[in-house]
């Protein structure tokens, strides 16, 4: 009996760290660029229930899973590493069926790529708006004065013939 207890204890010591892990991924962007992608992945993927988000600390806790696989609580934190950012994802479980950290990372990668492709378009539109030439001084002076529009009090009352 004592040997069985020792074997079970040894298995638990080895097995528990396999269920709860901290996964570290480094991105070549600043954390201020990565954080919106993390929030987008959490809010818009439809896969996570958000328990809490702290934008100041760049941390989030969330639930993933359903009835068959069970709900699992995970968390993520961003740590600045110079010009890069380290995303630490603590998962409740990663095994044969579930890869919570890998799935979350791929969703963050998709959000980051989406944001990078939409950012140049927004920058280009802003640059075009800034590049519009202003009207020449002569054109400003020749501009027609705006026509006066009637207000309700100045408008003629309509007859109510029925």
Protein backbone atom coordinates (compact mmCIF):
# COMPACT_ATOMS: atom_id res chain seq x y z
CA UNK A 1 0.00 0.00 0.00
CA UNK A 2 2.81 2.38 0.86
CA UNK A 3 4.52 1.69 -2.48
CA UNK A 4 1.28 2.47 -4.34
CA UNK A 5 1.00 5.80 -2.51
CA UNK A 6 4.59 6.67 -3.44
CA UNK A 7 3.97 5.78 -7.11
CA UNK A 8 0.78 7.87 -7.22
CA UNK A 9 2.57 10.78 -5.55
CA UNK A 10 5.45 10.58 -8.05
CA UNK A 11 3.00 10.50 -10.97
CA UNK A 12 1.19 13.56 -9.64
CA UNK A 13 4.45 15.45 -9.19
CA UNK A 14 5.34 14.77 -12.82
CA UNK A 15 1.83 15.11 -14.27
CA UNK A 16 0.61 18.35 -12.65
CA UNK A 17 3.18 20.59 -14.34
CA UNK A 18 2.14 19.06 -17.68
CA UNK A 19 -1.41 20.34 -17.15
CA UNK A 20 -0.62 23.90 -16.07
CA UNK A 21 2.08 25.59 -18.09
CA UNK A 22 3.32 29.06 -18.85
CA UNK A 23 4.04 29.49 -22.55
CA UNK A 24 6.32 32.34 -23.61
CA UNK A 25 6.24 33.81 -27.11
CA UNK A 26 8.28 36.83 -28.19
CA UNK A 27 6.99 39.23 -30.84
CA UNK A 28 9.17 41.73 -32.74
CA UNK A 29 6.78 44.59 -31.93
CA UNK A 30 6.24 46.73 -28.85
CA UNK A 31 3.67 45.68 -26.27
CA UNK A 32 1.59 48.76 -27.11
CA UNK A 33 1.20 47.33 -30.63
CA UNK A 34 0.58 43.74 -29.47
CA UNK A 35 -1.95 44.55 -26.72
CA UNK A 36 -4.76 45.62 -29.11
CA UNK A 37 -4.28 42.34 -31.02
CA UNK A 38 -4.58 40.37 -27.76
CA UNK A 39 -7.79 42.21 -26.84
CA UNK A 40 -9.17 41.69 -30.36
CA UNK A 41 -8.45 37.96 -30.18
CA UNK A 42 -10.22 37.70 -26.82
CA UNK A 43 -13.22 39.85 -27.72
CA UNK A 44 -13.91 38.95 -31.33
CA UNK A 45 -12.96 35.31 -31.82
CA UNK A 46 -16.09 33.97 -30.16
CA UNK A 47 -14.02 31.37 -28.33
CA UNK A 48 -13.36 33.06 -24.99
CA UNK A 49 -15.33 34.21 -21.99
CA UNK A 50 -13.52 37.21 -20.54
CA UNK A 51 -13.10 37.20 -16.77
CA UNK A 52 -11.03 40.37 -16.57
CA UNK A 53 -8.87 42.71 -18.64
CA UNK A 54 -6.41 45.24 -17.21
CA UNK A 55 -5.07 47.49 -19.96
CA UNK A 56 -2.67 49.29 -17.60
CA UNK A 57 -0.92 46.06 -16.62
CA UNK A 58 -1.61 44.41 -20.01
CA UNK A 59 -3.09 41.30 -18.41
CA UNK A 60 -6.24 39.31 -19.09
CA UNK A 61 -7.95 36.26 -17.64
CA UNK A 62 -10.38 34.29 -19.74
CA UNK A 63 -12.29 31.02 -19.95
CA UNK A 64 -12.20 28.63 -22.87
CA UNK A 65 -13.92 25.33 -23.45
CA UNK A 66 -17.33 23.87 -23.46
CA UNK A 67 -19.38 21.18 -21.85
CA UNK A 68 -17.50 18.17 -23.25
CA UNK A 69 -13.94 19.35 -22.70
CA UNK A 70 -14.74 21.31 -19.58
CA UNK A 71 -14.14 25.00 -19.04
CA UNK A 72 -10.56 26.02 -18.48
CA UNK A 73 -9.29 29.32 -17.05
CA UNK A 74 -6.29 30.83 -18.82
CA UNK A 75 -4.46 34.12 -18.45
CA UNK A 76 -2.11 36.24 -20.52
CA UNK A 77 0.36 38.98 -19.63
CA UNK A 78 2.60 41.10 -21.86
CA UNK A 79 6.13 41.97 -20.76
CA UNK A 80 8.22 44.55 -22.57
CA UNK A 81 11.64 43.32 -23.65
CA UNK A 82 13.26 46.38 -25.23
CA UNK A 83 11.88 46.77 -28.75
CA UNK A 84 10.07 43.43 -28.55
CA UNK A 85 7.26 42.07 -26.41
CA UNK A 86 6.97 38.76 -24.60
CA UNK A 87 3.49 37.27 -24.34
CA UNK A 88 3.18 34.83 -21.44
CA UNK A 89 0.12 32.63 -21.62
CA UNK A 90 -0.69 30.51 -18.58
CA UNK A 91 -2.91 27.64 -19.54
CA UNK A 92 -4.90 25.35 -17.33
CA UNK A 93 -4.37 22.45 -19.68
CA UNK A 94 -2.55 21.58 -22.87
CA UNK A 95 -2.61 18.01 -23.97
CA UNK A 96 -3.61 15.67 -26.76
CA UNK A 97 -7.06 17.15 -27.31
CA UNK A 98 -6.54 20.82 -26.39
CA UNK A 99 -3.75 23.25 -27.16
CA UNK A 100 -5.09 26.37 -25.46
CA UNK A 101 -1.82 28.34 -25.65
CA UNK A 102 -1.18 27.45 -29.30
CA UNK A 103 -4.76 28.24 -30.30
CA UNK A 104 -4.65 31.58 -28.49
CA UNK A 105 -1.28 32.47 -30.05
CA UNK A 106 -2.58 31.74 -33.55
CA UNK A 107 -5.63 33.97 -32.92
CA UNK A 108 -3.38 36.78 -31.65
CA UNK A 109 -1.17 36.33 -34.75
CA UNK A 110 -4.25 36.64 -36.99
CA UNK A 111 -5.42 39.78 -35.16
CA UNK A 112 -1.94 41.32 -35.36
CA UNK A 113 -1.74 40.62 -39.09
CA UNK A 114 -5.22 42.09 -39.60
CA UNK A 115 -4.22 45.22 -37.68
CA UNK A 116 -0.98 45.60 -39.63
CA UNK A 117 -2.82 45.41 -42.97
CA UNK A 118 -5.51 47.88 -41.87
CA UNK A 119 -2.98 50.33 -40.36
CA UNK A 120 -1.25 51.19 -43.70
CA UNK A 121 -4.67 51.80 -45.30
CA UNK A 122 -5.62 54.19 -42.49
CA UNK A 123 -2.22 55.88 -42.71
CA UNK A 124 -2.56 56.24 -46.48
CA UNK A 125 -6.05 57.74 -46.17
CA UNK A 126 -4.82 60.21 -43.54
CA UNK A 127 -1.86 61.15 -45.75
CA UNK A 128 -4.18 61.75 -48.72
CA UNK A 129 -6.41 63.96 -46.58
CA UNK A 130 -3.38 65.95 -45.46
CA UNK A 131 -2.08 66.23 -49.02
CA UNK A 132 -5.20 67.96 -50.41
CA UNK A 133 -4.13 71.38 -51.63
CA UNK A 134 -5.84 74.33 -50.02
CA UNK A 135 -7.84 76.72 -52.15
CA UNK A 136 -5.84 79.62 -53.57
CA UNK A 137 -6.42 83.00 -51.92
CA UNK A 138 -8.23 84.31 -55.06
CA UNK A 139 -10.57 81.32 -55.03
CA UNK A 140 -11.42 81.89 -51.37
CA UNK A 141 -12.39 85.52 -52.07
CA UNK A 142 -14.50 84.55 -55.09
CA UNK A 143 -16.40 81.84 -53.26
CA UNK A 144 -20.16 82.39 -53.32
CA UNK A 145 -21.74 83.35 -50.03
CA UNK A 146 -23.95 80.67 -48.58
CA UNK A 147 -27.62 81.00 -49.35
CA UNK A 148 -29.82 81.84 -46.44
CA UNK A 149 -32.02 78.98 -45.38
CA UNK A 150 -35.41 79.60 -43.86
CA UNK A 151 -36.00 78.72 -40.26
CA UNK A 152 -39.35 77.42 -39.05
CA UNK A 153 -40.37 80.82 -37.68
CA UNK A 154 -39.64 82.51 -41.03
CA UNK A 155 -41.39 79.87 -43.13
CA UNK A 156 -44.87 80.65 -44.42
CA UNK A 157 -47.57 78.71 -42.60
CA UNK A 158 -49.24 76.10 -44.76
CA UNK A 159 -52.98 76.18 -45.04
CA UNK A 160 -54.76 73.19 -43.69
CA UNK A 161 -57.56 72.76 -46.24
CA UNK A 162 -59.14 69.37 -46.09
